[in-house]
Amino acid sequence: MAKLPDFEALAIFAKVVELRSFAAAASELSLSKATVSKAVSRLEERLGARLFNRTSRRLALTDAGQKLSERAARLLADGEAAENEALAQSTTPRGLVRFAVPMSFGIKTVAPLLPEFLEAYPEVSIDLHLSDATVDLIGEGFDAGLRIARLPDSSLIARRLCAMPRYTVAAPSYLKRYGRPTHPMHLADHKCFGYAYLSTQGAWHYTNASGEQASVRPAGQLRVNNGEAVMPALIAGLGIADLPDFIVGDAIASGEVEVILKGWKQPEAAVHLVTPPGGPRPARVEVLADFLARQFAKAKKR
């Protein structure tokens, strides 16, 4: 099996040729003179040819060195250009952000904010992927995603953007017909709507002010994989739902549904921006995170 070229030695050789000095190359590359000398010697041994004729006062390329020097110089220049381009990408907001967002939150909350973001950052593009399923950011090549839940332990880097309360709710017509539950365990005797991607695997968890905990796995006639899809049946009085504020908040405010179990709290959830592990976020992702955090904070104050 062929070995990879010794790119480091070739780059060091090119720098020695450029500066006509081992000492000057070592100084510019922040290496010891011995390291520079060993790299050139390593390259000569690999190629089976002397690259320099050296005297105490003069450093001259051999014929083999002359032929290699042009290619080595191009290699060094291309490497420096690639590194500078990558560095610019990471420090200047530029390029494509592949962004995975839950369906309803993306349509109702994120999408309306994007025109302002794209206007502010004309060199950034967004590929918005909408799905309530938990996306494999690394495996599917996403730069970032939003998760609305209590985050499990993972290797992903998370930034909390805002709180996202959940409410257990029912329509007044349902409560009038079937009664109002006052304890989470009463939900087992009621018609409840299910959500396929619930992070707690179908269980609803509650805690009251005295520290009592209760968990229930309610059942009913309808199970969905998108929270918005449950709203017509919920408002029609066909069952009880457990939904985040961005889906059910307006219906609570209008009186179409009522919050029940007010003396009980659910585990605190939040909107998190998550990114793959491995170094700082690129500038294009960081400015998107900052922008969303600012917008969500403004919306909370209104």
Protein backbone atom coordinates (compact mmCIF):
# COMPACT_ATOMS: atom_id res chain seq x y z
CA MET A 1 0.00 0.00 0.00
CA ALA A 2 1.44 3.39 -1.06
CA LYS A 3 2.37 5.84 1.66
CA LEU A 4 0.90 9.31 1.81
CA PRO A 5 3.26 12.09 0.72
CA ASP A 6 5.20 13.71 3.54
CA PHE A 7 3.27 16.97 3.32
CA GLU A 8 4.92 18.48 6.38
CA ALA A 9 8.43 17.90 5.03
CA LEU A 10 7.45 19.25 1.61
CA ALA A 11 6.01 22.41 3.19
CA ILE A 12 9.13 22.92 5.32
CA PHE A 13 11.35 22.36 2.25
CA ALA A 14 9.33 24.98 0.32
CA LYS A 15 9.79 27.49 3.14
CA VAL A 16 13.56 26.86 3.24
CA VAL A 17 13.72 27.44 -0.53
CA GLU A 18 11.63 30.63 -0.23
CA LEU A 19 13.84 32.11 2.51
CA ARG A 20 17.12 30.53 1.35
CA SER A 21 17.92 29.67 4.93
CA PHE A 22 17.24 26.84 7.37
CA ALA A 23 17.45 29.26 10.30
CA ALA A 24 15.04 31.78 8.73
CA ALA A 25 12.55 29.01 7.86
CA ALA A 26 12.75 27.67 11.41
CA SER A 27 12.09 31.14 12.81
CA GLU A 28 9.09 31.84 10.54
CA LEU A 29 7.54 28.41 11.19
CA SER A 30 8.23 28.62 14.95
CA LEU A 31 10.24 25.40 14.77
CA SER A 32 13.73 24.54 15.90
CA LYS A 33 16.47 24.56 13.30
CA ALA A 34 17.04 20.87 14.08
CA THR A 35 13.39 20.07 13.26
CA VAL A 36 13.67 21.87 9.92
CA SER A 37 16.92 20.07 9.09
CA LYS A 38 15.47 16.67 10.00
CA ALA A 39 12.40 17.29 7.83
CA VAL A 40 14.55 18.08 4.78
CA SER A 41 16.78 15.09 5.50
CA ARG A 42 13.70 12.89 5.82
CA LEU A 43 12.49 14.11 2.44
CA GLU A 44 15.91 13.51 0.84
CA GLU A 45 16.02 9.99 2.22
CA ARG A 46 12.53 9.26 0.97
CA LEU A 47 13.31 10.59 -2.53
CA GLY A 48 16.80 9.14 -2.67
CA ALA A 49 18.28 12.42 -3.83
CA ARG A 50 20.06 15.39 -2.29
CA LEU A 51 17.95 18.57 -2.48
CA PHE A 52 20.53 21.15 -1.39
CA ASN A 53 24.24 21.66 -1.76
CA ARG A 54 25.23 23.25 1.53
CA THR A 55 28.33 25.13 2.53
CA SER A 56 28.92 27.32 5.56
CA ARG A 57 28.05 30.41 3.54
CA ARG A 58 25.76 29.25 0.75
CA LEU A 59 22.66 27.13 0.24
CA ALA A 60 21.99 26.06 -3.35
CA LEU A 61 19.37 23.80 -4.83
CA THR A 62 20.46 20.67 -6.65
CA ASP A 63 18.81 19.71 -9.93
CA ALA A 64 16.41 17.41 -8.03
CA GLY A 65 15.74 20.17 -5.53
CA GLN A 66 15.03 22.67 -8.29
CA LYS A 67 12.49 20.35 -9.92
CA LEU A 68 10.78 19.66 -6.60
CA SER A 69 10.77 23.25 -5.37
CA GLU A 70 8.06 24.54 -7.71
CA ARG A 71 5.62 21.77 -6.79
CA ALA A 72 6.44 22.10 -3.09
CA ALA A 73 5.84 25.86 -3.27
CA ARG A 74 2.42 25.29 -4.88
CA LEU A 75 1.61 22.71 -2.21
CA LEU A 76 2.52 25.16 0.56
CA ALA A 77 0.52 27.97 -1.07
CA ASP A 78 -2.53 25.75 -1.58
CA GLY A 79 -2.35 24.55 2.02
CA GLU A 80 -2.11 28.09 3.37
CA ALA A 81 -5.00 29.20 1.13
CA ALA A 82 -7.19 26.29 2.26
CA GLU A 83 -6.44 27.01 5.90
CA ASN A 84 -7.12 30.73 5.49
CA GLU A 85 -10.41 30.02 3.72
CA ALA A 86 -11.51 27.64 6.47
CA LEU A 87 -10.48 30.19 9.09
CA ALA A 88 -12.47 32.90 7.34
CA GLN A 89 -15.50 30.61 7.25
CA SER A 90 -15.24 30.09 11.00
CA THR A 91 -14.79 33.76 11.92
CA THR A 92 -16.97 35.54 9.33
CA PRO A 93 -20.68 34.66 9.04
CA ARG A 94 -20.72 33.03 5.63
CA GLY A 95 -21.97 29.81 4.07
CA LEU A 96 -24.78 27.29 4.46
CA VAL A 97 -26.37 26.30 7.77
CA ARG A 98 -28.21 22.97 7.61
CA PHE A 99 -30.73 23.46 10.42
CA ALA A 100 -33.07 20.79 11.85
CA VAL A 101 -36.11 22.15 13.69
CA PRO A 102 -39.32 20.56 15.06
CA MET A 103 -42.15 20.92 12.55
CA SER A 104 -44.71 23.15 14.30
CA PHE A 105 -42.13 25.26 16.13
CA GLY A 106 -40.31 25.76 12.84
CA ILE A 107 -43.41 26.90 10.98
CA LYS A 108 -44.97 29.00 13.76
CA THR A 109 -41.88 30.49 15.41
CA VAL A 110 -38.63 30.05 13.47
CA ALA A 111 -39.73 30.60 9.85
CA PRO A 112 -41.29 34.05 10.54
CA LEU A 113 -37.93 35.18 11.99
CA LEU A 114 -35.79 34.08 9.05
CA PRO A 115 -36.42 37.05 6.70
CA GLU A 116 -34.87 39.42 9.26
CA PHE A 117 -31.92 37.08 9.81
CA LEU A 118 -31.24 36.60 6.09
CA GLU A 119 -31.46 40.35 5.55
CA ALA A 120 -28.93 40.92 8.35
CA TYR A 121 -26.53 38.21 7.12
CA PRO A 122 -26.69 38.16 3.30
CA GLU A 123 -23.75 35.74 3.01
CA VAL A 124 -25.45 33.08 5.16
CA SER A 125 -27.93 30.58 3.67
CA ILE A 126 -30.33 28.36 5.62
CA ASP A 127 -31.39 24.83 4.68
CA LEU A 128 -34.35 24.40 7.07
CA HIS A 129 -35.31 20.79 7.76
CA LEU A 130 -38.67 20.41 9.56
CA SER A 131 -39.43 17.21 11.44
CA ASP A 132 -40.67 16.29 14.92
CA ALA A 133 -38.48 13.17 14.89
CA THR A 134 -35.14 13.43 16.70
CA VAL A 135 -32.64 13.98 13.92
CA ASP A 136 -29.14 12.48 13.96
CA LEU A 137 -27.22 15.73 13.48
CA ILE A 138 -23.87 14.05 12.95
CA GLY A 139 -25.06 11.15 10.80
CA GLU A 140 -27.23 13.34 8.57
CA GLY A 141 -24.76 16.19 8.24
CA PHE A 142 -26.61 18.99 10.05
CA ASP A 143 -24.79 22.04 11.40
CA ALA A 144 -27.34 22.69 14.13
CA GLY A 145 -30.76 21.75 15.43
CA LEU A 146 -33.37 22.82 17.96
CA ARG A 147 -34.54 20.46 20.69
CA ILE A 148 -37.57 21.29 22.85
CA ALA A 149 -37.32 19.06 25.90
CA ARG A 150 -35.15 18.20 28.83
CA LEU A 151 -31.98 17.16 27.06
CA PRO A 152 -30.64 13.67 27.69
CA ASP A 153 -26.93 13.17 28.17
CA SER A 154 -25.20 13.21 24.80
CA SER A 155 -22.05 14.34 23.04
CA LEU A 156 -23.90 17.25 21.40
CA ILE A 157 -23.02 20.81 22.43
CA ALA A 158 -26.15 22.55 23.72
CA ARG A 159 -27.06 26.20 24.25
CA ARG A 160 -30.26 27.04 26.10
CA LEU A 161 -32.24 29.68 24.20
CA CYS A 162 -35.44 30.02 26.23
CA ALA A 163 -37.82 28.22 28.58
CA MET A 164 -40.72 26.30 27.07
CA PRO A 165 -43.46 25.43 29.59
CA ARG A 166 -45.91 22.61 29.00
CA TYR A 167 -49.56 22.57 30.02
CA THR A 168 -52.07 19.80 30.60
CA VAL A 169 -55.25 21.14 29.00
CA ALA A 170 -58.82 20.28 28.07
CA ALA A 171 -61.72 22.09 26.42
CA PRO A 172 -64.48 23.43 28.70
CA SER A 173 -66.94 21.08 26.96
CA TYR A 174 -64.80 18.05 27.87
CA LEU A 175 -64.52 19.13 31.50
CA LYS A 176 -68.25 19.76 31.71
CA ARG A 177 -68.98 16.30 30.31
CA TYR A 178 -66.32 14.19 32.07
CA GLY A 179 -65.28 16.26 35.08
CA ARG A 180 -62.02 18.02 36.00
CA PRO A 181 -59.08 15.85 37.13
CA THR A 182 -57.45 17.19 40.33
CA HIS A 183 -54.62 14.65 40.61
CA PRO A 184 -52.36 13.29 37.83
CA MET A 185 -53.41 9.72 38.63
CA HIS A 186 -56.99 10.68 37.70
CA LEU A 187 -55.80 10.97 34.09
CA ALA A 188 -55.80 7.18 33.87
CA ASP A 189 -59.62 7.39 33.93
CA HIS A 190 -59.82 10.04 31.22
CA LYS A 191 -59.46 10.19 27.45
CA CYS A 192 -56.02 11.59 26.66
CA PHE A 193 -54.18 12.27 23.44
CA GLY A 194 -50.77 10.70 22.83
CA TYR A 195 -47.66 12.11 21.16
CA ALA A 196 -45.31 9.74 19.35
CA TYR A 197 -42.04 11.61 19.98
CA LEU A 198 -42.48 12.38 23.68
CA SER A 199 -39.03 12.28 25.28
CA THR A 200 -40.49 10.55 28.36
CA GLN A 201 -41.66 7.56 26.26
CA GLY A 202 -45.38 8.09 26.71
CA ALA A 203 -45.38 8.97 30.42
CA TRP A 204 -46.54 12.29 31.85
CA HIS A 205 -44.57 13.27 34.98
CA TYR A 206 -45.69 15.72 37.67
CA THR A 207 -44.50 17.15 40.99
CA ASN A 208 -46.48 19.28 43.46
CA ALA A 209 -45.35 21.93 45.94
CA SER A 210 -44.93 19.38 48.74
CA GLY A 211 -42.58 17.28 46.61
CA GLU A 212 -45.06 14.51 45.82
CA GLN A 213 -44.36 12.95 42.43
CA ALA A 214 -46.77 11.22 40.10
CA SER A 215 -46.38 9.56 36.71
CA VAL A 216 -49.13 8.29 34.46
CA ARG A 217 -49.31 6.72 31.00
CA PRO A 218 -52.65 8.00 29.75
CA ALA A 219 -54.50 6.47 26.82
CA GLY A 220 -57.12 7.62 24.37
CA GLN A 221 -58.45 7.46 20.83
CA LEU A 222 -55.84 9.64 19.12
CA ARG A 223 -52.05 9.52 18.93
CA VAL A 224 -50.11 11.92 16.71
CA ASN A 225 -46.52 12.58 15.65
CA ASN A 226 -47.08 16.35 15.49
CA GLY A 227 -48.55 18.32 18.37
CA GLU A 228 -50.46 20.74 16.14
CA ALA A 229 -52.49 17.83 14.75
CA VAL A 230 -54.18 17.23 18.10
CA MET A 231 -55.65 20.73 18.40
CA PRO A 232 -58.93 20.18 16.46
CA ALA A 233 -59.84 17.13 18.58
CA LEU A 234 -58.73 18.92 21.75
CA ILE A 235 -60.87 22.02 21.06
CA ALA A 236 -63.77 19.77 20.05
CA GLY A 237 -63.78 18.38 23.59
CA LEU A 238 -62.70 14.84 22.75
CA GLY A 239 -59.87 14.51 25.25
CA ILE A 240 -57.04 15.90 27.38
CA ALA A 241 -53.66 16.88 25.94
CA ASP A 242 -50.23 17.75 27.29
CA LEU A 243 -48.71 20.37 24.99
CA PRO A 244 -45.99 23.04 24.91
CA ASP A 245 -46.84 26.72 25.11
CA PHE A 246 -46.01 27.47 21.46
CA ILE A 247 -48.77 25.09 20.33
CA VAL A 248 -51.49 25.62 22.95
CA GLY A 249 -50.73 29.09 24.33
CA ASP A 250 -53.12 30.94 22.02
CA ALA A 251 -55.97 28.51 22.73
CA ILE A 252 -55.44 28.98 26.48
CA ALA A 253 -55.51 32.78 26.06
CA SER A 254 -58.71 32.64 23.99
CA GLY A 255 -60.47 30.32 26.43
CA GLU A 256 -60.85 27.50 23.91
CA VAL A 257 -59.02 25.24 26.35
CA GLU A 258 -58.29 25.41 30.08
CA VAL A 259 -55.21 24.46 32.05
CA ILE A 260 -55.92 21.67 34.55
CA LEU A 261 -53.81 20.24 37.40
CA LYS A 262 -52.60 23.76 38.25
CA GLY A 263 -51.11 22.61 41.53
CA TRP A 264 -48.77 20.27 39.72
CA LYS A 265 -45.66 21.10 37.72
CA GLN A 266 -44.02 19.13 34.95
CA PRO A 267 -40.23 18.82 34.48
CA GLU A 268 -38.86 22.10 33.20
CA ALA A 269 -38.31 22.07 29.45
CA ALA A 270 -36.50 24.55 27.25
CA VAL A 271 -35.57 25.29 23.67
CA HIS A 272 -31.93 24.32 23.10
CA LEU A 273 -29.75 24.87 20.07
CA VAL A 274 -27.58 21.79 19.67
CA THR A 275 -24.52 21.33 17.47
CA PRO A 276 -22.15 18.43 16.79
CA PRO A 277 -19.13 18.14 19.08
CA GLY A 278 -15.62 19.09 18.03
CA GLY A 279 -14.33 22.63 18.40
CA PRO A 280 -16.05 26.03 18.41
CA ARG A 281 -19.19 26.64 16.39
CA PRO A 282 -18.65 28.29 12.97
CA ALA A 283 -19.55 31.98 12.90
CA ARG A 284 -22.57 31.32 10.66
CA VAL A 285 -24.03 29.01 13.34
CA GLU A 286 -23.08 31.24 16.26
CA VAL A 287 -24.79 34.31 14.78
CA LEU A 288 -27.93 32.25 14.13
CA ALA A 289 -27.93 31.09 17.77
CA ASP A 290 -27.43 34.68 19.01
CA PHE A 291 -30.19 35.96 16.75
CA LEU A 292 -32.72 33.33 17.88
CA ALA A 293 -31.86 33.90 21.55
CA ARG A 294 -32.51 37.65 21.15
CA GLN A 295 -35.78 37.12 19.30
CA PHE A 296 -37.09 34.58 21.80
CA ALA A 297 -36.20 36.94 24.67
CA LYS A 298 -38.13 39.77 22.96
CA ALA A 299 -41.16 37.51 22.44
CA LYS A 300 -41.15 36.54 26.13
CA LYS A 301 -41.28 40.22 27.19
CA ARG A 302 -44.26 40.99 24.98
